[in-house]
Amino acid sequence: MIVTHSGRFHADEVFALAMLKFLPEFKDQEVLRTREADDIEQAEIVLDVGGDYNHEKKRYDHHQNSFTEQRTNGIPFATAGIIWRHYAESIFKQMGLEADNEIQFAVKWLDAKLIEDLDAVDNGLYSDDPRPSVSLLVAMMNESSDEPEKQQAAFDKAVNFASDVLKNFIQAAINQAQVVTELEAKLDTLENGIWVLDSKAPFKDFIQNRPEIQRVVYPRNEEQFGVYCNGKENHLPERFRGLREGELSKVSGLEDTVFCHKSGFMAVTLSKESALFLAKSV
C-alpha cells in the first residue's frame, strides 16, 4: 500500500505517485490518502507525510526540520525530487534507456526541466510568483467541496494528468539522451568556439553547460543552415540583428542570408559557408 496525505493535494506528491506508477513493483499498489499514524506505519511506501525520510524504509517526507537536503543550485528537495532522485534511473531503464551516460543525462535533464520547479514551489520559493506553472494547474484541480469522494476523484484525475505530463517529458528526455554519445563524438569539430554539425540533432540542452562552445553552425533542413549562440554573451553582432535577406546581405556582404533574430541569438542562411561566416563574426 502507498500512503500520501489526505486533504488538498499538491503537484509534489501527485507527481511523486505518478513516477512510482511507472515501475512494476508499484504500478498496481493501492493508494490511501490519510494522516492516520497507524495507516502510515503499515504502508509499504509513504509520500509527503509522516515526518520521516528514510529510503531503506521507503519513507519520503520532507517537512520535518531534520530534512535540509538541497540541490547544488540551492533548490531544496521536496517529495517529487526525492522520489525522482531514488527512482529515476529505474524509470528510464523500464522505458528502454540502457547506456549509463544517457540515463544520467536524462535524469538531470528532466529534473532541471520539471522536477526542481515542482520542489521549489512546494517549498515556497515562488509563493509570490504570479506565473502559471504545472504546480498551479495541479492545485486548481482540487475540489472546492470537502466531500471525500469528490476530492478522491479529483486526486485520481490529477495523478492521471501528472502521468501524461511525465510520459511526454520522459520521452523527450530519452530523445535528448540518445544523441549524447553522437554529439560527444562530434566535439572534435569544435574550433575557436565554433562547433559545426553535419546533421540536425537536438544540441541546445547538450551545450548549455559547455561554455567552450560559443556558437553552433548546423543544417536546419535541406535548404537552410542555422547559427545558434550559446548564451547571451555569444549573441551575433549588433550590426546583423533584426535584419532580413537584402538588408542582412548588404551589411554582411553575403548573398544568401535569410534573417538574424533581433536579439542576435540565432540566424539563418542558405549555405553552410555563409552560416560559418556569421558565426565567426565579431
C-alpha atoms as a PDB file:
ATOM      1  CA  MET A   1       0.000   0.000   0.000  1.00  0.00           C
ATOM      2  CA  ILE A   2       1.171   3.516  -0.852  1.00  0.00           C
ATOM      3  CA  VAL A   3       0.156   6.268   1.564  1.00  0.00           C
ATOM      4  CA  THR A   4       0.097  10.007   0.995  1.00  0.00           C
ATOM      5  CA  HIS A   5      -1.703  12.737   2.887  1.00  0.00           C
ATOM      6  CA  SER A   6      -5.415  13.488   2.755  1.00  0.00           C
ATOM      7  CA  GLY A   7      -6.971  16.939   2.241  1.00  0.00           C
ATOM      8  CA  ARG A   8      -5.835  19.270  -0.510  1.00  0.00           C
ATOM      9  CA  PHE A   9      -3.308  17.702  -2.840  1.00  0.00           C
ATOM     10  CA  HIS A  10      -0.289  19.324  -4.452  1.00  0.00           C
ATOM     11  CA  ALA A  11       1.861  18.701  -7.510  1.00  0.00           C
ATOM     12  CA  ASP A  12       4.612  17.439  -5.211  1.00  0.00           C
ATOM     13  CA  GLU A  13       3.007  14.191  -4.040  1.00  0.00           C
ATOM     14  CA  VAL A  14       0.838  13.859  -7.176  1.00  0.00           C
ATOM     15  CA  PHE A  15       3.909  13.710  -9.416  1.00  0.00           C
ATOM     16  CA  ALA A  16       5.796  11.540  -6.917  1.00  0.00           C
ATOM     17  CA  LEU A  17       2.976   8.992  -7.070  1.00  0.00           C
ATOM     18  CA  ALA A  18       2.812   9.214 -10.865  1.00  0.00           C
ATOM     19  CA  MET A  19       6.560   8.466 -11.008  1.00  0.00           C
ATOM     20  CA  LEU A  20       6.194   5.340  -8.894  1.00  0.00           C
ATOM     21  CA  LYS A  21       3.348   4.090 -11.077  1.00  0.00           C
ATOM     22  CA  PHE A  22       5.795   3.762 -13.990  1.00  0.00           C
ATOM     23  CA  LEU A  23       7.517   0.941 -12.093  1.00  0.00           C
ATOM     24  CA  PRO A  24       6.064  -2.608 -11.988  1.00  0.00           C
ATOM     25  CA  GLU A  25       6.566  -3.010  -8.244  1.00  0.00           C
ATOM     26  CA  PHE A  26       4.329  -0.036  -7.505  1.00  0.00           C
ATOM     27  CA  LYS A  27       2.016   0.078 -10.538  1.00  0.00           C
ATOM     28  CA  ASP A  28      -0.879  -1.885  -9.037  1.00  0.00           C
ATOM     29  CA  GLN A  29      -0.480  -0.939  -5.397  1.00  0.00           C
ATOM     30  CA  GLU A  30      -3.452   0.529  -3.579  1.00  0.00           C
ATOM     31  CA  VAL A  31      -3.140   4.232  -2.720  1.00  0.00           C
ATOM     32  CA  LEU A  32      -4.513   5.519   0.570  1.00  0.00           C
ATOM     33  CA  ARG A  33      -4.799   9.224   1.357  1.00  0.00           C
ATOM     34  CA  THR A  34      -4.664   9.651   5.125  1.00  0.00           C
ATOM     35  CA  ARG A  35      -2.866  11.269   8.041  1.00  0.00           C
ATOM     36  CA  GLU A  36      -3.588   8.461  10.475  1.00  0.00           C
ATOM     37  CA  ALA A  37      -0.402   7.253  12.171  1.00  0.00           C
ATOM     38  CA  ASP A  38      -1.456   3.582  12.153  1.00  0.00           C
ATOM     39  CA  ASP A  39      -2.059   3.620   8.381  1.00  0.00           C
ATOM     40  CA  ILE A  40       1.253   5.354   7.781  1.00  0.00           C
ATOM     41  CA  GLU A  41       3.037   2.786   9.919  1.00  0.00           C
ATOM     42  CA  GLN A  42       1.566  -0.136   7.949  1.00  0.00           C
ATOM     43  CA  ALA A  43       2.229   1.313   4.481  1.00  0.00           C
ATOM     44  CA  GLU A  44       4.951  -0.098   2.249  1.00  0.00           C
ATOM     45  CA  ILE A  45       5.805   3.367   0.943  1.00  0.00           C
ATOM     46  CA  VAL A  46       4.864   6.801   2.315  1.00  0.00           C
ATOM     47  CA  LEU A  47       4.849  10.052   0.331  1.00  0.00           C
ATOM     48  CA  ASP A  48       4.852  13.602   1.698  1.00  0.00           C
ATOM     49  CA  VAL A  49       3.523  12.754   5.133  1.00  0.00           C
ATOM     50  CA  GLY A  50       4.703  11.050   8.320  1.00  0.00           C
ATOM     51  CA  GLY A  51       7.618  13.293   9.249  1.00  0.00           C
ATOM     52  CA  ASP A  52      10.316  10.840   8.206  1.00  0.00           C
ATOM     53  CA  TYR A  53      12.818  10.442   5.383  1.00  0.00           C
ATOM     54  CA  ASN A  54      14.373   7.005   5.161  1.00  0.00           C
ATOM     55  CA  HIS A  55      14.977   5.436   1.775  1.00  0.00           C
ATOM     56  CA  GLU A  56      15.558   1.945   3.191  1.00  0.00           C
ATOM     57  CA  LYS A  57      12.146   2.081   4.892  1.00  0.00           C
ATOM     58  CA  LYS A  58      10.581   3.859   1.888  1.00  0.00           C
ATOM     59  CA  ARG A  59       9.541   6.904   3.917  1.00  0.00           C
ATOM     60  CA  TYR A  60       9.690  10.090   1.831  1.00  0.00           C
ATOM     61  CA  ASP A  61       8.601  13.189   3.719  1.00  0.00           C
ATOM     62  CA  HIS A  62      10.481  16.492   3.621  1.00  0.00           C
ATOM     63  CA  HIS A  63       8.540  18.715   6.045  1.00  0.00           C
ATOM     64  CA  GLN A  64      10.461  17.834   9.224  1.00  0.00           C
ATOM     65  CA  ASN A  65      13.215  20.163  10.458  1.00  0.00           C
ATOM     66  CA  SER A  66      15.767  17.373  10.225  1.00  0.00           C
ATOM     67  CA  PHE A  67      15.444  17.293   6.430  1.00  0.00           C
ATOM     68  CA  THR A  68      17.622  20.017   4.902  1.00  0.00           C
ATOM     69  CA  GLU A  69      18.828  18.497   1.628  1.00  0.00           C
ATOM     70  CA  GLN A  70      19.024  20.711  -1.443  1.00  0.00           C
ATOM     71  CA  ARG A  71      20.452  20.714  -4.938  1.00  0.00           C
ATOM     72  CA  THR A  72      23.759  22.334  -5.784  1.00  0.00           C
ATOM     73  CA  ASN A  73      21.795  25.303  -7.209  1.00  0.00           C
ATOM     74  CA  GLY A  74      20.123  25.850  -3.832  1.00  0.00           C
ATOM     75  CA  ILE A  75      16.673  24.476  -4.672  1.00  0.00           C
ATOM     76  CA  PRO A  76      15.600  22.244  -1.774  1.00  0.00           C
ATOM     77  CA  PHE A  77      14.181  18.789  -2.371  1.00  0.00           C
ATOM     78  CA  ALA A  78      10.511  18.058  -1.854  1.00  0.00           C
ATOM     79  CA  THR A  79       8.910  14.642  -2.200  1.00  0.00           C
ATOM     80  CA  ALA A  80       8.791  14.788  -6.005  1.00  0.00           C
ATOM     81  CA  GLY A  81      12.522  15.456  -6.170  1.00  0.00           C
ATOM     82  CA  ILE A  82      13.305  12.823  -3.561  1.00  0.00           C
ATOM     83  CA  ILE A  83      11.385  10.158  -5.453  1.00  0.00           C
ATOM     84  CA  TRP A  84      12.983  11.250  -8.725  1.00  0.00           C
ATOM     85  CA  ARG A  85      16.437  11.048  -7.167  1.00  0.00           C
ATOM     86  CA  HIS A  86      15.886   7.480  -5.961  1.00  0.00           C
ATOM     87  CA  TYR A  87      13.806   6.005  -8.777  1.00  0.00           C
ATOM     88  CA  ALA A  88      14.530   7.953 -11.974  1.00  0.00           C
ATOM     89  CA  GLU A  89      17.223   5.549 -13.183  1.00  0.00           C
ATOM     90  CA  SER A  90      14.845   2.612 -12.777  1.00  0.00           C
ATOM     91  CA  ILE A  91      12.120   4.510 -14.624  1.00  0.00           C
ATOM     92  CA  PHE A  92      14.370   5.200 -17.605  1.00  0.00           C
ATOM     93  CA  LYS A  93      15.580   1.593 -17.680  1.00  0.00           C
ATOM     94  CA  GLN A  94      11.953   0.498 -17.602  1.00  0.00           C
ATOM     95  CA  MET A  95      11.317   2.802 -20.562  1.00  0.00           C
ATOM     96  CA  GLY A  96      14.145   1.229 -22.550  1.00  0.00           C
ATOM     97  CA  LEU A  97      17.126   3.508 -21.964  1.00  0.00           C
ATOM     98  CA  GLU A  98      20.240   1.421 -21.272  1.00  0.00           C
ATOM     99  CA  ALA A  99      23.533   3.322 -21.519  1.00  0.00           C
ATOM    100  CA  ASP A 100      24.645   4.797 -18.177  1.00  0.00           C
ATOM    101  CA  ASN A 101      25.759   8.140 -19.643  1.00  0.00           C
ATOM    102  CA  GLU A 102      22.424   8.502 -21.438  1.00  0.00           C
ATOM    103  CA  ILE A 103      20.479   7.674 -18.280  1.00  0.00           C
ATOM    104  CA  GLN A 104      22.460  10.176 -16.208  1.00  0.00           C
ATOM    105  CA  PHE A 105      21.898  12.870 -18.824  1.00  0.00           C
ATOM    106  CA  ALA A 106      18.151  12.115 -18.989  1.00  0.00           C
ATOM    107  CA  VAL A 107      17.775  12.143 -15.188  1.00  0.00           C
ATOM    108  CA  LYS A 108      19.434  15.556 -14.882  1.00  0.00           C
ATOM    109  CA  TRP A 109      17.643  16.939 -17.949  1.00  0.00           C
ATOM    110  CA  LEU A 110      14.179  16.124 -16.647  1.00  0.00           C
ATOM    111  CA  ASP A 111      14.984  17.293 -13.130  1.00  0.00           C
ATOM    112  CA  ALA A 112      16.069  20.678 -14.483  1.00  0.00           C
ATOM    113  CA  LYS A 113      13.107  20.951 -16.861  1.00  0.00           C
ATOM    114  CA  LEU A 114      10.328  19.922 -14.478  1.00  0.00           C
ATOM    115  CA  ILE A 115      11.036  18.332 -11.106  1.00  0.00           C
ATOM    116  CA  GLU A 116      13.102  21.035  -9.447  1.00  0.00           C
ATOM    117  CA  ASP A 117      10.374  23.577 -10.231  1.00  0.00           C
ATOM    118  CA  LEU A 118       7.791  21.363  -8.520  1.00  0.00           C
ATOM    119  CA  ASP A 119      10.089  21.156  -5.495  1.00  0.00           C
ATOM    120  CA  ALA A 120      10.731  24.891  -5.462  1.00  0.00           C
ATOM    121  CA  VAL A 121       7.019  25.721  -5.498  1.00  0.00           C
ATOM    122  CA  ASP A 122       6.239  23.161  -2.795  1.00  0.00           C
ATOM    123  CA  ASN A 123       8.960  24.648  -0.599  1.00  0.00           C
ATOM    124  CA  GLY A 124       7.567  28.166  -1.007  1.00  0.00           C
ATOM    125  CA  LEU A 125      10.326  29.615  -3.162  1.00  0.00           C
ATOM    126  CA  TYR A 126       7.870  31.053  -5.698  1.00  0.00           C
ATOM    127  CA  SER A 127       4.987  31.866  -3.369  1.00  0.00           C
ATOM    128  CA  ASP A 128       4.732  35.423  -4.716  1.00  0.00           C
ATOM    129  CA  ASP A 129       5.325  34.474  -8.357  1.00  0.00           C
ATOM    130  CA  PRO A 130       2.162  35.115 -10.437  1.00  0.00           C
ATOM    131  CA  ARG A 131       3.267  32.931 -13.352  1.00  0.00           C
ATOM    132  CA  PRO A 132       1.207  29.909 -14.333  1.00  0.00           C
ATOM    133  CA  SER A 133       3.008  26.660 -13.573  1.00  0.00           C
ATOM    134  CA  VAL A 134       2.437  22.918 -13.540  1.00  0.00           C
ATOM    135  CA  SER A 135       2.084  23.173  -9.766  1.00  0.00           C
ATOM    136  CA  LEU A 136      -0.678  25.760 -10.131  1.00  0.00           C
ATOM    137  CA  LEU A 137      -2.505  23.622 -12.696  1.00  0.00           C
ATOM    138  CA  VAL A 138      -2.477  20.661 -10.322  1.00  0.00           C
ATOM    139  CA  ALA A 139      -3.553  22.825  -7.387  1.00  0.00           C
ATOM    140  CA  MET A 140      -6.534  24.081  -9.386  1.00  0.00           C
ATOM    141  CA  MET A 141      -7.700  20.504  -9.881  1.00  0.00           C
ATOM    142  CA  ASN A 142      -8.657  20.287  -6.197  1.00  0.00           C
ATOM    143  CA  GLU A 143     -12.384  20.136  -5.482  1.00  0.00           C
ATOM    144  CA  SER A 144     -13.942  23.153  -3.808  1.00  0.00           C
ATOM    145  CA  SER A 145     -16.140  20.718  -1.927  1.00  0.00           C
ATOM    146  CA  ASP A 146     -14.907  18.960   1.212  1.00  0.00           C
ATOM    147  CA  GLU A 147     -16.710  15.753   0.239  1.00  0.00           C
ATOM    148  CA  PRO A 148     -14.084  12.957   0.398  1.00  0.00           C
ATOM    149  CA  GLU A 149     -15.460  11.112  -2.658  1.00  0.00           C
ATOM    150  CA  LYS A 150     -15.243  14.200  -4.871  1.00  0.00           C
ATOM    151  CA  GLN A 151     -11.758  15.057  -3.630  1.00  0.00           C
ATOM    152  CA  GLN A 152     -10.599  11.489  -4.230  1.00  0.00           C
ATOM    153  CA  ALA A 153     -11.908  11.640  -7.797  1.00  0.00           C
ATOM    154  CA  ALA A 154     -10.116  14.953  -8.302  1.00  0.00           C
ATOM    155  CA  PHE A 155      -6.907  13.466  -6.901  1.00  0.00           C
ATOM    156  CA  ASP A 156      -7.122  10.479  -9.259  1.00  0.00           C
ATOM    157  CA  LYS A 157      -7.653  12.831 -12.189  1.00  0.00           C
ATOM    158  CA  ALA A 158      -4.615  14.882 -11.121  1.00  0.00           C
ATOM    159  CA  VAL A 159      -2.429  11.752 -10.923  1.00  0.00           C
ATOM    160  CA  ASN A 160      -3.521  10.765 -14.446  1.00  0.00           C
ATOM    161  CA  PHE A 161      -2.697  14.275 -15.643  1.00  0.00           C
ATOM    162  CA  ALA A 162       0.732  14.104 -13.997  1.00  0.00           C
ATOM    163  CA  SER A 163       1.347  10.702 -15.533  1.00  0.00           C
ATOM    164  CA  ASP A 164       0.607  12.039 -19.031  1.00  0.00           C
ATOM    165  CA  VAL A 165       2.890  15.034 -18.478  1.00  0.00           C
ATOM    166  CA  LEU A 166       5.667  12.812 -17.138  1.00  0.00           C
ATOM    167  CA  LYS A 167       5.313  10.376 -20.019  1.00  0.00           C
ATOM    168  CA  ASN A 168       5.903  13.183 -22.518  1.00  0.00           C
ATOM    169  CA  PHE A 169       8.822  14.596 -20.522  1.00  0.00           C
ATOM    170  CA  ILE A 170      10.370  11.148 -20.145  1.00  0.00           C
ATOM    171  CA  GLN A 171      10.154  10.520 -23.882  1.00  0.00           C
ATOM    172  CA  ALA A 172      11.667  13.942 -24.580  1.00  0.00           C
ATOM    173  CA  ALA A 173      14.478  13.187 -22.126  1.00  0.00           C
ATOM    174  CA  ILE A 174      15.117   9.855 -23.838  1.00  0.00           C
ATOM    175  CA  ASN A 175      15.235  11.557 -27.238  1.00  0.00           C
ATOM    176  CA  GLN A 176      17.728  14.078 -25.889  1.00  0.00           C
ATOM    177  CA  ALA A 177      19.827  11.455 -24.132  1.00  0.00           C
ATOM    178  CA  GLN A 178      20.067   9.122 -27.104  1.00  0.00           C
ATOM    179  CA  VAL A 179      22.034  11.699 -29.094  1.00  0.00           C
ATOM    180  CA  VAL A 180      24.522  12.438 -26.297  1.00  0.00           C
ATOM    181  CA  THR A 181      27.035   9.861 -27.492  1.00  0.00           C
ATOM    182  CA  GLU A 182      26.600  11.034 -31.078  1.00  0.00           C
ATOM    183  CA  LEU A 183      27.138  14.670 -30.120  1.00  0.00           C
ATOM    184  CA  GLU A 184      30.127  13.883 -27.908  1.00  0.00           C
ATOM    185  CA  ALA A 185      31.743  12.175 -30.907  1.00  0.00           C
ATOM    186  CA  LYS A 186      31.311  15.363 -32.943  1.00  0.00           C
ATOM    187  CA  LEU A 187      33.123  17.620 -30.474  1.00  0.00           C
ATOM    188  CA  ASP A 188      36.328  17.219 -32.457  1.00  0.00           C
ATOM    189  CA  THR A 189      34.883  19.692 -34.986  1.00  0.00           C
ATOM    190  CA  LEU A 190      34.909  22.445 -32.337  1.00  0.00           C
ATOM    191  CA  GLU A 191      37.373  25.164 -33.310  1.00  0.00           C
ATOM    192  CA  ASN A 192      37.795  28.604 -31.725  1.00  0.00           C
ATOM    193  CA  GLY A 193      34.420  28.318 -30.041  1.00  0.00           C
ATOM    194  CA  ILE A 194      32.568  27.442 -33.253  1.00  0.00           C
ATOM    195  CA  TRP A 195      31.001  23.980 -33.443  1.00  0.00           C
ATOM    196  CA  VAL A 196      29.993  22.765 -36.896  1.00  0.00           C
ATOM    197  CA  LEU A 197      27.454  19.924 -37.135  1.00  0.00           C
ATOM    198  CA  ASP A 198      26.883  17.967 -40.321  1.00  0.00           C
ATOM    199  CA  SER A 199      23.401  16.721 -39.389  1.00  0.00           C
ATOM    200  CA  LYS A 200      20.375  18.012 -37.497  1.00  0.00           C
ATOM    201  CA  ALA A 201      20.317  16.944 -33.841  1.00  0.00           C
ATOM    202  CA  PRO A 202      18.847  18.313 -30.575  1.00  0.00           C
ATOM    203  CA  PHE A 203      22.029  20.014 -29.362  1.00  0.00           C
ATOM    204  CA  LYS A 204      20.729  23.004 -27.378  1.00  0.00           C
ATOM    205  CA  ASP A 205      20.496  21.315 -23.990  1.00  0.00           C
ATOM    206  CA  PHE A 206      23.731  19.441 -24.642  1.00  0.00           C
ATOM    207  CA  ILE A 207      25.732  22.676 -24.976  1.00  0.00           C
ATOM    208  CA  GLN A 208      24.227  24.584 -22.034  1.00  0.00           C
ATOM    209  CA  ASN A 209      26.967  23.599 -19.595  1.00  0.00           C
ATOM    210  CA  ARG A 210      29.761  23.683 -22.178  1.00  0.00           C
ATOM    211  CA  PRO A 211      30.978  27.305 -22.275  1.00  0.00           C
ATOM    212  CA  GLU A 212      33.753  26.312 -24.671  1.00  0.00           C
ATOM    213  CA  ILE A 213      31.023  26.043 -27.324  1.00  0.00           C
ATOM    214  CA  GLN A 214      30.133  29.624 -28.186  1.00  0.00           C
ATOM    215  CA  ARG A 215      28.224  29.261 -31.445  1.00  0.00           C
ATOM    216  CA  VAL A 216      26.877  26.290 -33.414  1.00  0.00           C
ATOM    217  CA  VAL A 217      26.510  26.009 -37.191  1.00  0.00           C
ATOM    218  CA  TYR A 218      24.026  23.301 -38.190  1.00  0.00           C
ATOM    219  CA  PRO A 219      21.669  22.233 -41.014  1.00  0.00           C
ATOM    220  CA  ARG A 220      18.091  23.325 -40.247  1.00  0.00           C
ATOM    221  CA  ASN A 221      16.638  21.412 -43.191  1.00  0.00           C
ATOM    222  CA  GLU A 222      17.621  20.507 -46.748  1.00  0.00           C
ATOM    223  CA  GLU A 223      17.683  24.165 -47.824  1.00  0.00           C
ATOM    224  CA  GLN A 224      18.796  26.176 -44.796  1.00  0.00           C
ATOM    225  CA  PHE A 225      21.632  26.380 -42.291  1.00  0.00           C
ATOM    226  CA  GLY A 226      21.423  27.951 -38.871  1.00  0.00           C
ATOM    227  CA  VAL A 227      23.696  29.711 -36.413  1.00  0.00           C
ATOM    228  CA  TYR A 228      22.806  29.244 -32.760  1.00  0.00           C
ATOM    229  CA  CYS A 229      24.542  31.165 -29.987  1.00  0.00           C
ATOM    230  CA  ASN A 230      25.228  29.544 -26.619  1.00  0.00           C
ATOM    231  CA  GLY A 231      24.419  32.286 -24.126  1.00  0.00           C
ATOM    232  CA  LYS A 232      23.763  36.000 -24.414  1.00  0.00           C
ATOM    233  CA  GLU A 233      27.461  36.828 -24.289  1.00  0.00           C
ATOM    234  CA  ASN A 234      27.872  34.975 -27.599  1.00  0.00           C
ATOM    235  CA  HIS A 235      24.996  36.586 -29.500  1.00  0.00           C
ATOM    236  CA  LEU A 236      25.744  37.767 -33.010  1.00  0.00           C
ATOM    237  CA  PRO A 237      26.960  41.354 -33.546  1.00  0.00           C
ATOM    238  CA  GLU A 238      24.544  44.275 -33.292  1.00  0.00           C
ATOM    239  CA  ARG A 239      25.002  45.169 -36.965  1.00  0.00           C
ATOM    240  CA  PHE A 240      23.256  41.931 -38.037  1.00  0.00           C
ATOM    241  CA  ARG A 241      20.405  41.905 -35.550  1.00  0.00           C
ATOM    242  CA  GLY A 242      16.840  42.209 -36.798  1.00  0.00           C
ATOM    243  CA  LEU A 243      17.853  42.292 -40.465  1.00  0.00           C
ATOM    244  CA  ARG A 244      16.416  40.104 -43.217  1.00  0.00           C
ATOM    245  CA  GLU A 245      17.511  38.987 -46.666  1.00  0.00           C
ATOM    246  CA  GLY A 246      18.613  42.045 -48.713  1.00  0.00           C
ATOM    247  CA  GLU A 247      19.369  44.225 -45.698  1.00  0.00           C
ATOM    248  CA  LEU A 248      21.340  41.468 -43.978  1.00  0.00           C
ATOM    249  CA  SER A 249      23.154  40.588 -47.208  1.00  0.00           C
ATOM    250  CA  LYS A 250      24.146  44.231 -47.677  1.00  0.00           C
ATOM    251  CA  VAL A 251      25.577  44.527 -44.165  1.00  0.00           C
ATOM    252  CA  SER A 252      27.270  41.106 -44.140  1.00  0.00           C
ATOM    253  CA  GLY A 253      28.477  41.064 -47.743  1.00  0.00           C
ATOM    254  CA  LEU A 254      26.815  37.679 -48.258  1.00  0.00           C
ATOM    255  CA  GLU A 255      24.290  36.815 -50.961  1.00  0.00           C
ATOM    256  CA  ASP A 256      22.196  34.071 -49.352  1.00  0.00           C
ATOM    257  CA  THR A 257      21.201  35.281 -45.905  1.00  0.00           C
ATOM    258  CA  VAL A 258      17.637  34.757 -44.653  1.00  0.00           C
ATOM    259  CA  PHE A 259      17.483  36.630 -41.336  1.00  0.00           C
ATOM    260  CA  CYS A 260      19.105  37.308 -37.988  1.00  0.00           C
ATOM    261  CA  HIS A 261      16.925  37.397 -34.894  1.00  0.00           C
ATOM    262  CA  LYS A 262      16.596  40.848 -33.359  1.00  0.00           C
ATOM    263  CA  SER A 263      18.240  39.627 -30.127  1.00  0.00           C
ATOM    264  CA  GLY A 264      21.099  38.058 -32.070  1.00  0.00           C
ATOM    265  CA  PHE A 265      20.753  34.591 -30.576  1.00  0.00           C
ATOM    266  CA  MET A 266      20.322  32.905 -33.968  1.00  0.00           C
ATOM    267  CA  ALA A 267      20.486  33.447 -37.721  1.00  0.00           C
ATOM    268  CA  VAL A 268      19.575  31.554 -40.886  1.00  0.00           C
ATOM    269  CA  THR A 269      21.323  31.339 -44.256  1.00  0.00           C
ATOM    270  CA  LEU A 270      21.054  29.205 -47.383  1.00  0.00           C
ATOM    271  CA  SER A 271      24.599  27.839 -47.244  1.00  0.00           C
ATOM    272  CA  LYS A 272      26.926  26.366 -44.668  1.00  0.00           C
ATOM    273  CA  GLU A 273      29.681  28.754 -45.723  1.00  0.00           C
ATOM    274  CA  SER A 274      27.552  31.829 -45.040  1.00  0.00           C
ATOM    275  CA  ALA A 275      26.393  30.463 -41.692  1.00  0.00           C
ATOM    276  CA  LEU A 276      30.018  29.861 -40.760  1.00  0.00           C
ATOM    277  CA  PHE A 277      30.899  33.423 -41.788  1.00  0.00           C
ATOM    278  CA  LEU A 278      28.211  34.845 -39.483  1.00  0.00           C
ATOM    279  CA  ALA A 279      29.277  32.516 -36.664  1.00  0.00           C
ATOM    280  CA  LYS A 280      32.864  33.767 -36.903  1.00  0.00           C
ATOM    281  CA  SER A 281      31.838  37.441 -36.982  1.00  0.00           C
ATOM    282  CA  VAL A 282      32.639  39.708 -34.061  1.00  0.00           C
END
